[in-house]
C-alpha atoms as a PDB file:
ATOM      1  CA  MET A   1      30.342 123.229  25.828  1.00  0.00           C
ATOM      2  CA  SER A   2      32.881 125.113  27.977  1.00  0.00           C
ATOM      3  CA  SER A   3      35.628 127.185  26.382  1.00  0.00           C
ATOM      4  CA  SER A   4      38.352 124.989  27.916  1.00  0.00           C
ATOM      5  CA  THR A   5      37.044 121.917  26.098  1.00  0.00           C
ATOM      6  CA  THR A   6      36.149 123.723  22.879  1.00  0.00           C
ATOM      7  CA  ARG A   7      38.109 122.434  19.934  1.00  0.00           C
ATOM      8  CA  PRO A   8      39.237 124.977  17.338  1.00  0.00           C
ATOM      9  CA  THR A   9      36.727 123.661  14.803  1.00  0.00           C
ATOM     10  CA  ASP A  10      33.892 123.864  17.384  1.00  0.00           C
ATOM     11  CA  HIS A  11      34.283 127.601  17.991  1.00  0.00           C
ATOM     12  CA  PRO A  12      30.938 129.265  17.154  1.00  0.00           C
ATOM     13  CA  SER A  13      32.386 131.935  14.861  1.00  0.00           C
ATOM     14  CA  GLY A  14      34.840 129.573  13.178  1.00  0.00           C
ATOM     15  CA  ASP A  15      37.774 131.682  14.458  1.00  0.00           C
ATOM     16  CA  ARG A  16      40.050 130.463  17.184  1.00  0.00           C
ATOM     17  CA  SER A  17      40.917 132.584  20.180  1.00  0.00           C
ATOM     18  CA  ILE A  18      44.503 133.547  20.973  1.00  0.00           C
ATOM     19  CA  GLY A  19      44.449 131.156  23.923  1.00  0.00           C
ATOM     20  CA  GLN A  20      43.370 128.278  21.684  1.00  0.00           C
ATOM     21  CA  ILE A  21      46.061 129.126  19.145  1.00  0.00           C
ATOM     22  CA  ILE A  22      48.739 129.263  21.844  1.00  0.00           C
ATOM     23  CA  ALA A  23      47.515 125.969  23.312  1.00  0.00           C
ATOM     24  CA  SER A  24      47.559 124.407  19.862  1.00  0.00           C
ATOM     25  CA  VAL A  25      51.082 125.662  19.159  1.00  0.00           C
ATOM     26  CA  SER A  26      52.205 124.462  22.575  1.00  0.00           C
ATOM     27  CA  ASP A  27      50.731 121.001  21.954  1.00  0.00           C
ATOM     28  CA  ASP A  28      52.345 120.871  18.512  1.00  0.00           C
ATOM     29  CA  LEU A  29      55.704 121.903  19.952  1.00  0.00           C
ATOM     30  CA  LYS A  30      55.445 119.217  22.640  1.00  0.00           C
ATOM     31  CA  SER A  31      54.682 116.632  19.961  1.00  0.00           C
ATOM     32  CA  VAL A  32      57.648 117.727  17.849  1.00  0.00           C
ATOM     33  CA  VAL A  33      60.020 117.668  20.826  1.00  0.00           C
ATOM     34  CA  SER A  34      58.860 114.211  21.931  1.00  0.00           C
ATOM     35  CA  ALA A  35      59.219 112.910  18.372  1.00  0.00           C
ATOM     36  CA  GLU A  36      62.771 114.304  18.202  1.00  0.00           C
ATOM     37  CA  VAL A  37      63.655 112.689  21.539  1.00  0.00           C
ATOM     38  CA  ALA A  38      62.203 109.360  20.397  1.00  0.00           C
ATOM     39  CA  LEU A  39      64.207 109.517  17.150  1.00  0.00           C
ATOM     40  CA  ALA A  40      67.428 110.305  19.032  1.00  0.00           C
ATOM     41  CA  LYS A  41      66.746 107.429  21.423  1.00  0.00           C
ATOM     42  CA  LEU A  42      66.258 104.994  18.529  1.00  0.00           C
ATOM     43  CA  GLU A  43      69.500 106.123  16.882  1.00  0.00           C
ATOM     44  CA  VAL A  44      71.512 105.728  20.087  1.00  0.00           C
ATOM     45  CA  GLN A  45      70.004 102.277  20.700  1.00  0.00           C
ATOM     46  CA  ALA A  46      70.962 101.198  17.170  1.00  0.00           C
ATOM     47  CA  SER A  47      74.526 102.427  17.741  1.00  0.00           C
ATOM     48  CA  LEU A  48      74.745 100.565  21.041  1.00  0.00           C
ATOM     49  CA  LYS A  49      73.522  97.358  19.402  1.00  0.00           C
ATOM     50  CA  GLU A  50      76.256  97.711  16.784  1.00  0.00           C
ATOM     51  CA  ALA A  51      78.865  98.299  19.504  1.00  0.00           C
ATOM     52  CA  ALA A  52      77.607  95.231  21.365  1.00  0.00           C
ATOM     53  CA  LYS A  53      78.671  93.070  18.407  1.00  0.00           C
ATOM     54  CA  GLY A  54      82.356  94.015  18.773  1.00  0.00           C
ATOM     55  CA  ALA A  55      82.585  94.014  22.564  1.00  0.00           C
ATOM     56  CA  PRO A  56      82.300  90.197  23.018  1.00  0.00           C
ATOM     57  CA  MET A  57      85.114  89.706  20.523  1.00  0.00           C
ATOM     58  CA  LEU A  58      87.341  91.977  22.595  1.00  0.00           C
ATOM     59  CA  VAL A  59      86.431  90.047  25.745  1.00  0.00           C
ATOM     60  CA  VAL A  60      87.237  86.700  24.090  1.00  0.00           C
ATOM     61  CA  ALA A  61      90.486  88.178  22.770  1.00  0.00           C
ATOM     62  CA  GLY A  62      91.427  89.254  26.296  1.00  0.00           C
ATOM     63  CA  VAL A  63      90.670  85.824  27.763  1.00  0.00           C
ATOM     64  CA  LEU A  64      92.647  84.102  25.018  1.00  0.00           C
ATOM     65  CA  ALA A  65      95.546  86.483  25.583  1.00  0.00           C
ATOM     66  CA  LEU A  66      95.567  85.555  29.289  1.00  0.00           C
ATOM     67  CA  TYR A  67      95.604  81.852  28.457  1.00  0.00           C
ATOM     68  CA  ALA A  68      98.345  82.494  25.914  1.00  0.00           C
ATOM     69  CA  LEU A  69     100.394  84.339  28.479  1.00  0.00           C
ATOM     70  CA  GLY A  70     100.085  81.406  30.875  1.00  0.00           C
ATOM     71  CA  LEU A  71     101.091  78.946  28.181  1.00  0.00           C
ATOM     72  CA  LEU A  72     103.983  81.110  27.003  1.00  0.00           C
ATOM     73  CA  LEU A  73     105.276  81.460  30.530  1.00  0.00           C
ATOM     74  CA  THR A  74     104.941  77.701  31.075  1.00  0.00           C
ATOM     75  CA  ALA A  75     106.731  77.021  27.784  1.00  0.00           C
ATOM     76  CA  ALA A  76     109.513  79.406  28.719  1.00  0.00           C
ATOM     77  CA  ALA A  77     109.927  77.722  32.108  1.00  0.00           C
ATOM     78  CA  TRP A  78     109.986  74.249  30.556  1.00  0.00           C
ATOM     79  CA  ALA A  79     112.392  75.429  27.878  1.00  0.00           C
ATOM     80  CA  LEU A  80     114.804  76.581  30.524  1.00  0.00           C
ATOM     81  CA  ALA A  81     114.388  73.454  32.656  1.00  0.00           C
ATOM     82  CA  LEU A  82     114.369  70.894  29.885  1.00  0.00           C
ATOM     83  CA  VAL A  83     115.857  70.961  26.490  1.00  0.00           C
ATOM     84  CA  TRP A  84     113.290  68.616  24.990  1.00  0.00           C
ATOM     85  CA  PRO A  85     110.727  69.021  22.207  1.00  0.00           C
ATOM     86  CA  THR A  86     107.820  69.239  24.709  1.00  0.00           C
ATOM     87  CA  TRP A  87     108.454  72.934  25.232  1.00  0.00           C
ATOM     88  CA  LEU A  88     108.228  73.479  21.513  1.00  0.00           C
ATOM     89  CA  ALA A  89     104.656  72.173  21.564  1.00  0.00           C
ATOM     90  CA  PHE A  90     103.716  74.514  24.415  1.00  0.00           C
ATOM     91  CA  LEU A  91     105.361  77.421  22.629  1.00  0.00           C
ATOM     92  CA  ALA A  92     103.525  76.686  19.373  1.00  0.00           C
ATOM     93  CA  VAL A  93     100.160  76.576  21.161  1.00  0.00           C
ATOM     94  CA  GLY A  94     100.938  79.842  22.956  1.00  0.00           C
ATOM     95  CA  VAL A  95     101.920  81.609  19.742  1.00  0.00           C
ATOM     96  CA  LEU A  96      98.778  80.310  18.040  1.00  0.00           C
ATOM     97  CA  LEU A  97      96.593  81.698  20.847  1.00  0.00           C
ATOM     98  CA  VAL A  98      98.335  85.068  20.656  1.00  0.00           C
ATOM     99  CA  ALA A  99      97.763  85.179  16.898  1.00  0.00           C
ATOM    100  CA  LEU A 100      94.087  84.269  17.339  1.00  0.00           C
ATOM    101  CA  ALA A 101      93.686  86.915  20.052  1.00  0.00           C
ATOM    102  CA  GLY A 102      95.249  89.480  17.726  1.00  0.00           C
ATOM    103  CA  VAL A 103      92.885  88.630  14.876  1.00  0.00           C
ATOM    104  CA  LEU A 104      89.830  88.810  17.168  1.00  0.00           C
ATOM    105  CA  ALA A 105      91.016  92.078  18.702  1.00  0.00           C
ATOM    106  CA  LEU A 106      91.495  93.671  15.266  1.00  0.00           C
ATOM    107  CA  ALA A 107      88.051  92.467  14.127  1.00  0.00           C
ATOM    108  CA  GLY A 108      86.437  93.832  17.305  1.00  0.00           C
ATOM    109  CA  ILE A 109      88.190  97.170  16.981  1.00  0.00           C
ATOM    110  CA  ARG A 110      87.132  97.438  13.337  1.00  0.00           C
ATOM    111  CA  LEU A 111      83.499  96.875  14.336  1.00  0.00           C
ATOM    112  CA  LEU A 112      83.693  99.412  17.165  1.00  0.00           C
ATOM    113  CA  LYS A 113      85.176 102.067  14.857  1.00  0.00           C
ATOM    114  CA  LYS A 114      82.120 101.781  12.591  1.00  0.00           C
ATOM    115  CA  VAL A 115      79.789 102.815  15.426  1.00  0.00           C
ATOM    116  CA  ASP A 116      78.674 106.449  15.398  1.00  0.00           C
ATOM    117  CA  PRO A 117      77.024 107.231  18.760  1.00  0.00           C
ATOM    118  CA  LYS A 118      75.850 110.668  17.605  1.00  0.00           C
ATOM    119  CA  PRO A 119      72.133 110.798  16.668  1.00  0.00           C
ATOM    120  CA  THR A 120      72.835 112.527  13.334  1.00  0.00           C
ATOM    121  CA  ARG A 121      69.368 112.033  11.843  1.00  0.00           C
ATOM    122  CA  ALA A 122      67.670 113.447  14.943  1.00  0.00           C
ATOM    123  CA  ILE A 123      69.975 116.485  14.941  1.00  0.00           C
ATOM    124  CA  ALA A 124      69.350 117.127  11.233  1.00  0.00           C
ATOM    125  CA  HIS A 125      65.590 116.717  11.696  1.00  0.00           C
ATOM    126  CA  ALA A 126      65.598 119.099  14.673  1.00  0.00           C
ATOM    127  CA  GLN A 127      67.483 121.697  12.613  1.00  0.00           C
ATOM    128  CA  GLU A 128      64.950 121.325   9.786  1.00  0.00           C
ATOM    129  CA  THR A 129      62.088 121.718  12.256  1.00  0.00           C
ATOM    130  CA  LEU A 130      63.665 124.820  13.778  1.00  0.00           C
ATOM    131  CA  ALA A 131      64.127 126.351  10.311  1.00  0.00           C
ATOM    132  CA  ALA A 132      60.499 125.593   9.436  1.00  0.00           C
ATOM    133  CA  VAL A 133      59.275 127.159  12.689  1.00  0.00           C
ATOM    134  CA  LYS A 134      61.334 130.300  11.994  1.00  0.00           C
ATOM    135  CA  GLU A 135      59.956 130.511   8.446  1.00  0.00           C
ATOM    136  CA  GLY A 136      56.422 129.982   9.746  1.00  0.00           C
ATOM    137  CA  ARG A 137      56.852 132.666  12.380  1.00  0.00           C
ATOM    138  CA  GLU A 138      58.107 135.143   9.786  1.00  0.00           C
ATOM    139  CA  ALA A 139      55.276 134.252   7.399  1.00  0.00           C
ATOM    140  CA  GLY A 140      52.795 134.554  10.264  1.00  0.00           C
ATOM    141  CA  ALA A 141      54.076 138.018  11.157  1.00  0.00           C
ATOM    142  CA  GLU A 142      53.760 139.122   7.517  1.00  0.00           C
ATOM    143  CA  HIS A 143      50.233 137.686   7.341  1.00  0.00           C
ATOM    144  CA  ALA A 144      49.224 139.282  10.646  1.00  0.00           C
ATOM    145  CA  ALA A 145      50.246 142.704   9.347  1.00  0.00           C
ATOM    146  CA  LEU A 146      47.779 142.301   6.453  1.00  0.00           C
ATOM    147  CA  ILE A 147      44.770 141.374   8.637  1.00  0.00           C
ATOM    148  CA  PRO A 148      42.548 144.308   9.592  1.00  0.00           C
ATOM    149  CA  PRO A 149      41.750 144.652  13.290  1.00  0.00           C
ATOM    150  CA  SER A 150      38.679 142.808  14.539  1.00  0.00           C
ATOM    151  CA  ARG A 151      35.718 144.583  16.088  1.00  0.00           C
ATOM    152  CA  ALA A 152      37.085 143.793  19.533  1.00  0.00           C
ATOM    153  CA  GLU A 153      40.241 145.798  18.774  1.00  0.00           C
ATOM    154  CA  VAL A 154      38.385 148.857  17.423  1.00  0.00           C
ATOM    155  CA  PRO A 155      37.597 151.470  20.100  1.00  0.00           C
ATOM    156  CA  LEU A 156      33.901 151.773  20.955  1.00  0.00           C
ATOM    157  CA  SER A 157      33.752 155.333  19.653  1.00  0.00           C
ATOM    158  CA  ASP A 158      34.890 154.206  16.175  1.00  0.00           C
ATOM    159  CA  ARG A 159      32.458 151.271  15.845  1.00  0.00           C
ATOM    160  CA  PRO A 160      29.538 151.657  13.474  1.00  0.00           C
ATOM    161  CA  VAL A 161      26.106 151.638  15.015  1.00  0.00           C
ATOM    162  CA  VAL A 162      24.133 148.604  13.905  1.00  0.00           C
END
């Protein structure tokens, strides 16, 4: 088996080389980063879905407000031209549409205010991961100081003759 395809558990001496350790750490870091990105993406998608609930209400409110404006303008014109009860009917319908548009607009705005587009869970998880990596690095440095040098690090002149 070549050294590039050797898994850490397949190493003949049971120890992993520095290159294998670095590759393993690099792979782990890539996995953590992709998991964080996936979590952030899921949070943003959930926020957008929540925002999508309020947006149609605002659109309907806008359309109703345009119809109401047309009716109110028509009622005002008829009121000036005729002094008959017909204008009162147009005015009542216009006011009703404005009231309905106002209620829908307030409901839509309330829903949109609830949406938090920030991926808070992903940010918190990334901060926890960073703290764990820092703790691990510090613990690794302390552990490395306790390990005696291997035979490869001992000069040839200091090695015992076997």
